[in-house]
Amino acid sequence: MPIYLMLTTLTDEGRKAIQDDPESLKDINKEVEHLGVKIIDQYALLGQYDFVSILEAPSNEAVAKLAIRLSSQGTMQTLTLAAITLDDLIKTLRKKETPW
């Protein structure tokens, strides 16, 4: 199944919500999994982004739906990146024919 990295930045409203109720982070994870996206791992970050989530989703459309739904709540903004394993990239680069 495809892997994605979701970088999340909290809005002012999101920071207040998490400060008031840190456990609400787990409620967000339940919503993510309810949409059919598996959370492989998550980290809180220091710097430009507040969180990174490593996700497994059945399709680009499923992860796009998730990103839109999360952002529409007004507590966060997301940047989602598709990830390719190094082994898969190496296999693709070794192929003589053009994959497209």
PDB file of N, CA and C in Angstrom:
ATOM      1  N   MET A   1       0.840  -1.175   0.000  1.00  0.00           N
ATOM      2  CA  MET A   1       0.000   0.000   0.000  1.00  0.00           C
ATOM      3  C   MET A   1       0.891   1.246   0.000  1.00  0.00           C
ATOM      4  N   PRO A   2       0.486   2.306  -0.697  1.00  0.00           N
ATOM      5  CA  PRO A   2       1.304   3.515  -0.762  1.00  0.00           C
ATOM      6  C   PRO A   2       1.531   4.166   0.608  1.00  0.00           C
ATOM      7  N   ILE A   3       2.714   4.768   0.736  1.00  0.00           N
ATOM      8  CA  ILE A   3       3.125   5.445   1.971  1.00  0.00           C
ATOM      9  C   ILE A   3       3.132   6.953   1.716  1.00  0.00           C
ATOM     10  N   TYR A   4       2.714   7.704   2.720  1.00  0.00           N
ATOM     11  CA  TYR A   4       2.672   9.161   2.632  1.00  0.00           C
ATOM     12  C   TYR A   4       3.237   9.765   3.915  1.00  0.00           C
ATOM     13  N   LEU A   5       3.844  10.936   3.778  1.00  0.00           N
ATOM     14  CA  LEU A   5       4.248  11.738   4.928  1.00  0.00           C
ATOM     15  C   LEU A   5       3.313  12.926   4.969  1.00  0.00           C
ATOM     16  N   MET A   6       2.701  13.156   6.129  1.00  0.00           N
ATOM     17  CA  MET A   6       1.826  14.312   6.284  1.00  0.00           C
ATOM     18  C   MET A   6       2.459  15.232   7.319  1.00  0.00           C
ATOM     19  N   LEU A   7       2.870  16.412   6.853  1.00  0.00           N
ATOM     20  CA  LEU A   7       3.406  17.440   7.744  1.00  0.00           C
ATOM     21  C   LEU A   7       2.251  18.332   8.156  1.00  0.00           C
ATOM     22  N   THR A   8       2.134  18.594   9.443  1.00  0.00           N
ATOM     23  CA  THR A   8       0.996  19.347   9.959  1.00  0.00           C
ATOM     24  C   THR A   8       1.466  20.572  10.722  1.00  0.00           C
ATOM     25  N   THR A   9       0.802  21.686  10.455  1.00  0.00           N
ATOM     26  CA  THR A   9       1.024  22.926  11.184  1.00  0.00           C
ATOM     27  C   THR A   9      -0.287  23.293  11.869  1.00  0.00           C
ATOM     28  N   LEU A  10      -0.230  23.542  13.159  1.00  0.00           N
ATOM     29  CA  LEU A  10      -1.423  23.929  13.895  1.00  0.00           C
ATOM     30  C   LEU A  10      -1.747  25.400  13.652  1.00  0.00           C
ATOM     31  N   THR A  11      -3.032  25.703  13.570  1.00  0.00           N
ATOM     32  CA  THR A  11      -3.475  27.091  13.534  1.00  0.00           C
ATOM     33  C   THR A  11      -3.535  27.592  14.980  1.00  0.00           C
ATOM     34  N   ASP A  12      -3.812  28.878  15.163  1.00  0.00           N
ATOM     35  CA  ASP A  12      -3.978  29.406  16.521  1.00  0.00           C
ATOM     36  C   ASP A  12      -5.064  28.635  17.267  1.00  0.00           C
ATOM     37  N   GLU A  13      -6.156  28.360  16.565  1.00  0.00           N
ATOM     38  CA  GLU A  13      -7.256  27.596  17.163  1.00  0.00           C
ATOM     39  C   GLU A  13      -6.808  26.180  17.544  1.00  0.00           C
ATOM     40  N   GLY A  14      -5.994  25.566  16.691  1.00  0.00           N
ATOM     41  CA  GLY A  14      -5.495  24.222  16.959  1.00  0.00           C
ATOM     42  C   GLY A  14      -4.566  24.178  18.152  1.00  0.00           C
ATOM     43  N   ARG A  15      -3.690  25.166  18.256  1.00  0.00           N
ATOM     44  CA  ARG A  15      -2.780  25.221  19.416  1.00  0.00           C
ATOM     45  C   ARG A  15      -3.572  25.364  20.711  1.00  0.00           C
ATOM     46  N   LYS A  16      -4.609  26.208  20.684  1.00  0.00           N
ATOM     47  CA  LYS A  16      -5.432  26.390  21.877  1.00  0.00           C
ATOM     48  C   LYS A  16      -6.164  25.090  22.232  1.00  0.00           C
ATOM     49  N   ALA A  17      -6.693  24.422  21.232  1.00  0.00           N
ATOM     50  CA  ALA A  17      -7.431  23.169  21.464  1.00  0.00           C
ATOM     51  C   ALA A  17      -6.532  22.107  22.079  1.00  0.00           C
ATOM     52  N   ILE A  18      -5.310  21.990  21.581  1.00  0.00           N
ATOM     53  CA  ILE A  18      -4.390  20.974  22.115  1.00  0.00           C
ATOM     54  C   ILE A  18      -3.882  21.365  23.496  1.00  0.00           C
ATOM     55  N   GLN A  19      -3.681  22.642  23.710  1.00  0.00           N
ATOM     56  CA  GLN A  19      -3.277  23.100  25.051  1.00  0.00           C
ATOM     57  C   GLN A  19      -4.374  22.780  26.063  1.00  0.00           C
ATOM     58  N   ASP A  20      -5.629  23.019  25.673  1.00  0.00           N
ATOM     59  CA  ASP A  20      -6.756  22.775  26.573  1.00  0.00           C
ATOM     60  C   ASP A  20      -7.014  21.283  26.785  1.00  0.00           C
ATOM     61  N   ASP A  21      -6.777  20.484  25.739  1.00  0.00           N
ATOM     62  CA  ASP A  21      -7.069  19.044  25.809  1.00  0.00           C
ATOM     63  C   ASP A  21      -6.070  18.259  24.964  1.00  0.00           C
ATOM     64  N   PRO A  22      -4.884  17.962  25.504  1.00  0.00           N
ATOM     65  CA  PRO A  22      -3.870  17.239  24.724  1.00  0.00           C
ATOM     66  C   PRO A  22      -4.344  15.879  24.205  1.00  0.00           C
ATOM     67  N   GLU A  23      -5.253  15.252  24.912  1.00  0.00           N
ATOM     68  CA  GLU A  23      -5.757  13.937  24.476  1.00  0.00           C
ATOM     69  C   GLU A  23      -6.549  14.028  23.177  1.00  0.00           C
ATOM     70  N   SER A  24      -6.932  15.242  22.775  1.00  0.00           N
ATOM     71  CA  SER A  24      -7.685  15.389  21.526  1.00  0.00           C
ATOM     72  C   SER A  24      -6.863  14.924  20.321  1.00  0.00           C
ATOM     73  N   LEU A  25      -5.544  14.878  20.478  1.00  0.00           N
ATOM     74  CA  LEU A  25      -4.697  14.346  19.406  1.00  0.00           C
ATOM     75  C   LEU A  25      -5.080  12.910  19.070  1.00  0.00           C
ATOM     76  N   LYS A  26      -5.440  12.149  20.065  1.00  0.00           N
ATOM     77  CA  LYS A  26      -5.829  10.750  19.830  1.00  0.00           C
ATOM     78  C   LYS A  26      -7.179  10.665  19.125  1.00  0.00           C
ATOM     79  N   ASP A  27      -8.060  11.644  19.375  1.00  0.00           N
ATOM     80  CA  ASP A  27      -9.345  11.672  18.665  1.00  0.00           C
ATOM     81  C   ASP A  27      -9.132  11.907  17.173  1.00  0.00           C
ATOM     82  N   ILE A  28      -8.170  12.763  16.850  1.00  0.00           N
ATOM     83  CA  ILE A  28      -7.847  13.010  15.444  1.00  0.00           C
ATOM     84  C   ILE A  28      -7.355  11.718  14.801  1.00  0.00           C
ATOM     85  N   ASN A  29      -6.536  10.951  15.521  1.00  0.00           N
ATOM     86  CA  ASN A  29      -6.032   9.685  14.985  1.00  0.00           C
ATOM     87  C   ASN A  29      -7.159   8.703  14.716  1.00  0.00           C
ATOM     88  N   LYS A  30      -8.175   8.692  15.575  1.00  0.00           N
ATOM     89  CA  LYS A  30      -9.325   7.806  15.349  1.00  0.00           C
ATOM     90  C   LYS A  30     -10.037   8.190  14.054  1.00  0.00           C
ATOM     91  N   GLU A  31     -10.168   9.485  13.812  1.00  0.00           N
ATOM     92  CA  GLU A  31     -10.808   9.949  12.586  1.00  0.00           C
ATOM     93  C   GLU A  31      -9.998   9.537  11.360  1.00  0.00           C
ATOM     94  N   VAL A  32      -8.683   9.657  11.457  1.00  0.00           N
ATOM     95  CA  VAL A  32      -7.801   9.262  10.358  1.00  0.00           C
ATOM     96  C   VAL A  32      -8.029   7.788  10.022  1.00  0.00           C
ATOM     97  N   GLU A  33      -8.028   6.956  11.021  1.00  0.00           N
ATOM     98  CA  GLU A  33      -8.176   5.514  10.784  1.00  0.00           C
ATOM     99  C   GLU A  33      -9.586   5.162  10.325  1.00  0.00           C
ATOM    100  N   HIS A  34     -10.576   5.943  10.753  1.00  0.00           N
ATOM    101  CA  HIS A  34     -11.957   5.725  10.306  1.00  0.00           C
ATOM    102  C   HIS A  34     -12.070   5.953   8.794  1.00  0.00           C
ATOM    103  N   LEU A  35     -11.222   6.818   8.255  1.00  0.00           N
ATOM    104  CA  LEU A  35     -11.226   7.092   6.815  1.00  0.00           C
ATOM    105  C   LEU A  35     -10.421   6.065   6.018  1.00  0.00           C
ATOM    106  N   GLY A  36      -9.930   5.019   6.683  1.00  0.00           N
ATOM    107  CA  GLY A  36      -9.216   3.954   5.988  1.00  0.00           C
ATOM    108  C   GLY A  36      -7.734   4.200   5.796  1.00  0.00           C
ATOM    109  N   VAL A  37      -7.197   5.162   6.535  1.00  0.00           N
ATOM    110  CA  VAL A  37      -5.771   5.464   6.451  1.00  0.00           C
ATOM    111  C   VAL A  37      -5.114   4.948   7.720  1.00  0.00           C
ATOM    112  N   LYS A  38      -4.037   4.196   7.568  1.00  0.00           N
ATOM    113  CA  LYS A  38      -3.341   3.623   8.719  1.00  0.00           C
ATOM    114  C   LYS A  38      -2.194   4.539   9.135  1.00  0.00           C
ATOM    115  N   ILE A  39      -2.111   4.834  10.409  1.00  0.00           N
ATOM    116  CA  ILE A  39      -1.005   5.625  10.941  1.00  0.00           C
ATOM    117  C   ILE A  39       0.121   4.664  11.296  1.00  0.00           C
ATOM    118  N   ILE A  40       1.236   4.786  10.609  1.00  0.00           N
ATOM    119  CA  ILE A  40       2.385   3.925  10.878  1.00  0.00           C
ATOM    120  C   ILE A  40       3.188   4.480  12.043  1.00  0.00           C
ATOM    121  N   ASP A  41       3.398   5.798  12.040  1.00  0.00           N
ATOM    122  CA  ASP A  41       4.145   6.437  13.124  1.00  0.00           C
ATOM    123  C   ASP A  41       3.861   7.928  13.111  1.00  0.00           C
ATOM    124  N   GLN A  42       4.087   8.578  14.242  1.00  0.00           N
ATOM    125  CA  GLN A  42       3.894  10.025  14.352  1.00  0.00           C
ATOM    126  C   GLN A  42       4.937  10.616  15.281  1.00  0.00           C
ATOM    127  N   TYR A  43       5.298  11.860  14.979  1.00  0.00           N
ATOM    128  CA  TYR A  43       6.254  12.582  15.815  1.00  0.00           C
ATOM    129  C   TYR A  43       5.826  14.032  15.933  1.00  0.00           C
ATOM    130  N   ALA A  44       6.009  14.599  17.112  1.00  0.00           N
ATOM    131  CA  ALA A  44       5.901  16.042  17.289  1.00  0.00           C
ATOM    132  C   ALA A  44       7.234  16.637  16.866  1.00  0.00           C
ATOM    133  N   LEU A  45       7.199  17.789  16.225  1.00  0.00           N
ATOM    134  CA  LEU A  45       8.407  18.396  15.679  1.00  0.00           C
ATOM    135  C   LEU A  45       8.663  19.767  16.294  1.00  0.00           C
ATOM    136  N   LEU A  46       9.905  20.174  16.237  1.00  0.00           N
ATOM    137  CA  LEU A  46      10.289  21.539  16.544  1.00  0.00           C
ATOM    138  C   LEU A  46      10.652  22.178  15.220  1.00  0.00           C
ATOM    139  N   GLY A  47      10.193  23.381  14.989  1.00  0.00           N
ATOM    140  CA  GLY A  47      10.528  24.047  13.732  1.00  0.00           C
ATOM    141  C   GLY A  47       9.284  24.459  12.983  1.00  0.00           C
ATOM    142  N   GLN A  48       9.383  24.474  11.665  1.00  0.00           N
ATOM    143  CA  GLN A  48       8.316  24.981  10.807  1.00  0.00           C
ATOM    144  C   GLN A  48       7.020  24.176  10.921  1.00  0.00           C
ATOM    145  N   TYR A  49       7.117  22.880  11.134  1.00  0.00           N
ATOM    146  CA  TYR A  49       5.941  22.021  11.242  1.00  0.00           C
ATOM    147  C   TYR A  49       5.812  21.527  12.672  1.00  0.00           C
ATOM    148  N   ASP A  50       4.568  21.250  13.083  1.00  0.00           N
ATOM    149  CA  ASP A  50       4.312  20.800  14.448  1.00  0.00           C
ATOM    150  C   ASP A  50       4.320  19.273  14.582  1.00  0.00           C
ATOM    151  N   PHE A  51       3.901  18.583  13.524  1.00  0.00           N
ATOM    152  CA  PHE A  51       3.830  17.121  13.564  1.00  0.00           C
ATOM    153  C   PHE A  51       4.181  16.549  12.199  1.00  0.00           C
ATOM    154  N   VAL A  52       4.679  15.309  12.212  1.00  0.00           N
ATOM    155  CA  VAL A  52       4.801  14.525  10.990  1.00  0.00           C
ATOM    156  C   VAL A  52       4.146  13.180  11.280  1.00  0.00           C
ATOM    157  N   SER A  53       3.326  12.751  10.329  1.00  0.00           N
ATOM    158  CA  SER A  53       2.676  11.446  10.422  1.00  0.00           C
ATOM    159  C   SER A  53       3.106  10.628   9.220  1.00  0.00           C
ATOM    160  N   ILE A  54       3.468   9.393   9.456  1.00  0.00           N
ATOM    161  CA  ILE A  54       3.791   8.462   8.380  1.00  0.00           C
ATOM    162  C   ILE A  54       2.548   7.596   8.216  1.00  0.00           C
ATOM    163  N   LEU A  55       1.966   7.667   7.028  1.00  0.00           N
ATOM    164  CA  LEU A  55       0.663   7.058   6.783  1.00  0.00           C
ATOM    165  C   LEU A  55       0.734   6.019   5.676  1.00  0.00           C
ATOM    166  N   GLU A  56      -0.179   5.083   5.754  1.00  0.00           N
ATOM    167  CA  GLU A  56      -0.375   4.107   4.690  1.00  0.00           C
ATOM    168  C   GLU A  56      -1.823   4.272   4.236  1.00  0.00           C
ATOM    169  N   ALA A  57      -2.026   4.524   2.946  1.00  0.00           N
ATOM    170  CA  ALA A  57      -3.369   4.769   2.429  1.00  0.00           C
ATOM    171  C   ALA A  57      -3.563   3.980   1.144  1.00  0.00           C
ATOM    172  N   PRO A  58      -4.800   3.615   0.849  1.00  0.00           N
ATOM    173  CA  PRO A  58      -5.040   2.818  -0.346  1.00  0.00           C
ATOM    174  C   PRO A  58      -4.833   3.575  -1.652  1.00  0.00           C
ATOM    175  N   SER A  59      -4.898   4.926  -1.602  1.00  0.00           N
ATOM    176  CA  SER A  59      -4.776   5.688  -2.852  1.00  0.00           C
ATOM    177  C   SER A  59      -4.484   7.153  -2.561  1.00  0.00           C
ATOM    178  N   ASN A  60      -4.063   7.853  -3.610  1.00  0.00           N
ATOM    179  CA  ASN A  60      -3.880   9.299  -3.503  1.00  0.00           C
ATOM    180  C   ASN A  60      -5.196   9.978  -3.137  1.00  0.00           C
ATOM    181  N   GLU A  61      -6.283   9.478  -3.699  1.00  0.00           N
ATOM    182  CA  GLU A  61      -7.590  10.071  -3.430  1.00  0.00           C
ATOM    183  C   GLU A  61      -7.967   9.949  -1.956  1.00  0.00           C
ATOM    184  N   ALA A  62      -7.668   8.806  -1.336  1.00  0.00           N
ATOM    185  CA  ALA A  62      -7.993   8.605   0.080  1.00  0.00           C
ATOM    186  C   ALA A  62      -7.210   9.562   0.971  1.00  0.00           C
ATOM    187  N   VAL A  63      -5.945   9.752   0.672  1.00  0.00           N
ATOM    188  CA  VAL A  63      -5.128  10.646   1.496  1.00  0.00           C
ATOM    189  C   VAL A  63      -5.479  12.105   1.201  1.00  0.00           C
ATOM    190  N   ALA A  64      -5.882  12.428  -0.014  1.00  0.00           N
ATOM    191  CA  ALA A  64      -6.335  13.787  -0.330  1.00  0.00           C
ATOM    192  C   ALA A  64      -7.620  14.102   0.435  1.00  0.00           C
ATOM    193  N   LYS A  65      -8.536  13.150   0.477  1.00  0.00           N
ATOM    194  CA  LYS A  65      -9.778  13.328   1.237  1.00  0.00           C
ATOM    195  C   LYS A  65      -9.462  13.576   2.706  1.00  0.00           C
ATOM    196  N   LEU A  66      -8.537  12.811   3.254  1.00  0.00           N
ATOM    197  CA  LEU A  66      -8.130  12.993   4.643  1.00  0.00           C
ATOM    198  C   LEU A  66      -7.554  14.390   4.861  1.00  0.00           C
ATOM    199  N   ALA A  67      -6.646  14.817   4.005  1.00  0.00           N
ATOM    200  CA  ALA A  67      -6.016  16.134   4.162  1.00  0.00           C
ATOM    201  C   ALA A  67      -7.052  17.247   4.104  1.00  0.00           C
ATOM    202  N   ILE A  68      -7.994  17.149   3.192  1.00  0.00           N
ATOM    203  CA  ILE A  68      -9.039  18.168   3.082  1.00  0.00           C
ATOM    204  C   ILE A  68      -9.931  18.160   4.309  1.00  0.00           C
ATOM    205  N   ARG A  69     -10.300  16.984   4.761  1.00  0.00           N
ATOM    206  CA  ARG A  69     -11.161  16.901   5.942  1.00  0.00           C
ATOM    207  C   ARG A  69     -10.466  17.475   7.173  1.00  0.00           C
ATOM    208  N   LEU A  70      -9.207  17.142   7.379  1.00  0.00           N
ATOM    209  CA  LEU A  70      -8.487  17.660   8.546  1.00  0.00           C
ATOM    210  C   LEU A  70      -8.321  19.175   8.468  1.00  0.00           C
ATOM    211  N   SER A  71      -7.954  19.679   7.301  1.00  0.00           N
ATOM    212  CA  SER A  71      -7.741  21.117   7.143  1.00  0.00           C
ATOM    213  C   SER A  71      -9.044  21.909   7.259  1.00  0.00           C
ATOM    214  N   SER A  72     -10.149  21.294   6.857  1.00  0.00           N
ATOM    215  CA  SER A  72     -11.433  22.007   6.880  1.00  0.00           C
ATOM    216  C   SER A  72     -11.925  22.289   8.297  1.00  0.00           C
ATOM    217  N   GLN A  73     -11.359  21.615   9.292  1.00  0.00           N
ATOM    218  CA  GLN A  73     -11.784  21.834  10.677  1.00  0.00           C
ATOM    219  C   GLN A  73     -11.237  23.140  11.246  1.00  0.00           C
ATOM    220  N   GLY A  74     -10.257  23.735  10.568  1.00  0.00           N
ATOM    221  CA  GLY A  74      -9.722  25.020  10.983  1.00  0.00           C
ATOM    222  C   GLY A  74      -8.679  24.965  12.082  1.00  0.00           C
ATOM    223  N   THR A  75      -8.268  23.769  12.490  1.00  0.00           N
ATOM    224  CA  THR A  75      -7.279  23.649  13.556  1.00  0.00           C
ATOM    225  C   THR A  75      -5.884  23.320  13.051  1.00  0.00           C
ATOM    226  N   MET A  76      -5.773  22.988  11.762  1.00  0.00           N
ATOM    227  CA  MET A  76      -4.477  22.609  11.216  1.00  0.00           C
ATOM    228  C   MET A  76      -4.441  22.788   9.712  1.00  0.00           C
ATOM    229  N   GLN A  77      -3.236  22.896   9.203  1.00  0.00           N
ATOM    230  CA  GLN A  77      -2.977  22.871   7.767  1.00  0.00           C
ATOM    231  C   GLN A  77      -2.015  21.711   7.519  1.00  0.00           C
ATOM    232  N   THR A  78      -2.175  21.058   6.381  1.00  0.00           N
ATOM    233  CA  THR A  78      -1.342  19.895   6.102  1.00  0.00           C
ATOM    234  C   THR A  78      -0.589  20.052   4.790  1.00  0.00           C
ATOM    235  N   LEU A  79       0.520  19.369   4.713  1.00  0.00           N
ATOM    236  CA  LEU A  79       1.285  19.200   3.482  1.00  0.00           C
ATOM    237  C   LEU A  79       1.555  17.705   3.378  1.00  0.00           C
ATOM    238  N   THR A  80       1.064  17.087   2.315  1.00  0.00           N
ATOM    239  CA  THR A  80       1.175  15.639   2.181  1.00  0.00           C
ATOM    240  C   THR A  80       2.117  15.292   1.034  1.00  0.00           C
ATOM    241  N   LEU A  81       3.024  14.378   1.309  1.00  0.00           N
ATOM    242  CA  LEU A  81       4.019  13.950   0.328  1.00  0.00           C
ATOM    243  C   LEU A  81       3.925  12.446   0.124  1.00  0.00           C
ATOM    244  N   ALA A  82       3.931  12.020  -1.121  1.00  0.00           N
ATOM    245  CA  ALA A  82       3.992  10.582  -1.414  1.00  0.00           C
ATOM    246  C   ALA A  82       5.433  10.126  -1.204  1.00  0.00           C
ATOM    247  N   ALA A  83       5.593   8.927  -0.655  1.00  0.00           N
ATOM    248  CA  ALA A  83       6.937   8.399  -0.376  1.00  0.00           C
ATOM    249  C   ALA A  83       7.154   7.107  -1.160  1.00  0.00           C
ATOM    250  N   ILE A  84       8.392   6.918  -1.586  1.00  0.00           N
ATOM    251  CA  ILE A  84       8.791   5.713  -2.320  1.00  0.00           C
ATOM    252  C   ILE A  84       9.940   5.084  -1.544  1.00  0.00           C
ATOM    253  N   THR A  85       9.866   3.798  -1.313  1.00  0.00           N
ATOM    254  CA  THR A  85      10.975   3.150  -0.613  1.00  0.00           C
ATOM    255  C   THR A  85      12.229   3.220  -1.477  1.00  0.00           C
ATOM    256  N   LEU A  86      13.380   3.194  -0.837  1.00  0.00           N
ATOM    257  CA  LEU A  86      14.631   3.225  -1.598  1.00  0.00           C
ATOM    258  C   LEU A  86      14.759   2.022  -2.510  1.00  0.00           C
ATOM    259  N   ASP A  87      14.339   0.851  -2.025  1.00  0.00           N
ATOM    260  CA  ASP A  87      14.418  -0.354  -2.857  1.00  0.00           C
ATOM    261  C   ASP A  87      13.571  -0.207  -4.116  1.00  0.00           C
ATOM    262  N   ASP A  88      12.358   0.343  -3.979  1.00  0.00           N
ATOM    263  CA  ASP A  88      11.501   0.540  -5.151  1.00  0.00           C
ATOM    264  C   ASP A  88      12.105   1.563  -6.108  1.00  0.00           C
ATOM    265  N   LEU A  89      12.685   2.609  -5.572  1.00  0.00           N
ATOM    266  CA  LEU A  89      13.318   3.612  -6.420  1.00  0.00           C
ATOM    267  C   LEU A  89      14.487   3.004  -7.191  1.00  0.00           C
ATOM    268  N   ILE A  90      15.313   2.227  -6.511  1.00  0.00           N
ATOM    269  CA  ILE A  90      16.464   1.579  -7.160  1.00  0.00           C
ATOM    270  C   ILE A  90      15.991   0.647  -8.263  1.00  0.00           C
ATOM    271  N   LYS A  91      14.937  -0.147  -7.999  1.00  0.00           N
ATOM    272  CA  LYS A  91      14.398  -1.051  -9.027  1.00  0.00           C
ATOM    273  C   LYS A  91      13.947  -0.264 -10.248  1.00  0.00           C
ATOM    274  N   THR A  92      13.262   0.846 -10.013  1.00  0.00           N
ATOM    275  CA  THR A  92      12.776   1.678 -11.116  1.00  0.00           C
ATOM    276  C   THR A  92      13.927   2.267 -11.907  1.00  0.00           C
ATOM    277  N   LEU A  93      14.958   2.718 -11.220  1.00  0.00           N
ATOM    278  CA  LEU A  93      16.099   3.321 -11.900  1.00  0.00           C
ATOM    279  C   LEU A  93      16.905   2.310 -12.706  1.00  0.00           C
ATOM    280  N   ARG A  94      16.862   1.053 -12.295  1.00  0.00           N
ATOM    281  CA  ARG A  94      17.612   0.002 -13.010  1.00  0.00           C
ATOM    282  C   ARG A  94      16.908  -0.435 -14.290  1.00  0.00           C
ATOM    283  N   LYS A  95      15.618  -0.185 -14.391  1.00  0.00           N
ATOM    284  CA  LYS A  95      14.875  -0.595 -15.584  1.00  0.00           C
ATOM    285  C   LYS A  95      15.354   0.212 -16.779  1.00  0.00           C
ATOM    286  N   LYS A  96      15.563  -0.476 -17.881  1.00  0.00           N
ATOM    287  CA  LYS A  96      16.061   0.174 -19.091  1.00  0.00           C
ATOM    288  C   LYS A  96      14.946   0.947 -19.797  1.00  0.00           C
ATOM    289  N   GLU A  97      13.729   0.411 -19.760  1.00  0.00           N
ATOM    290  CA  GLU A  97      12.622   1.080 -20.452  1.00  0.00           C
ATOM    291  C   GLU A  97      12.073   2.217 -19.574  1.00  0.00           C
ATOM    292  N   THR A  98      11.447   3.154 -20.212  1.00  0.00           N
ATOM    293  CA  THR A  98      10.859   4.285 -19.508  1.00  0.00           C
ATOM    294  C   THR A  98       9.515   3.852 -18.924  1.00  0.00           C
ATOM    295  N   PRO A  99       9.282   4.093 -17.614  1.00  0.00           N
ATOM    296  CA  PRO A  99       8.032   3.626 -17.000  1.00  0.00           C
ATOM    297  C   PRO A  99       6.814   4.422 -17.444  1.00  0.00           C
ATOM    298  N   TRP A 100       6.987   5.532 -18.121  1.00  0.00           N
ATOM    299  CA  TRP A 100       5.840   6.314 -18.550  1.00  0.00           C
ATOM    300  C   TRP A 100       5.765   6.236 -20.000  1.00  0.00           C
TER     301      TRP A 100
END
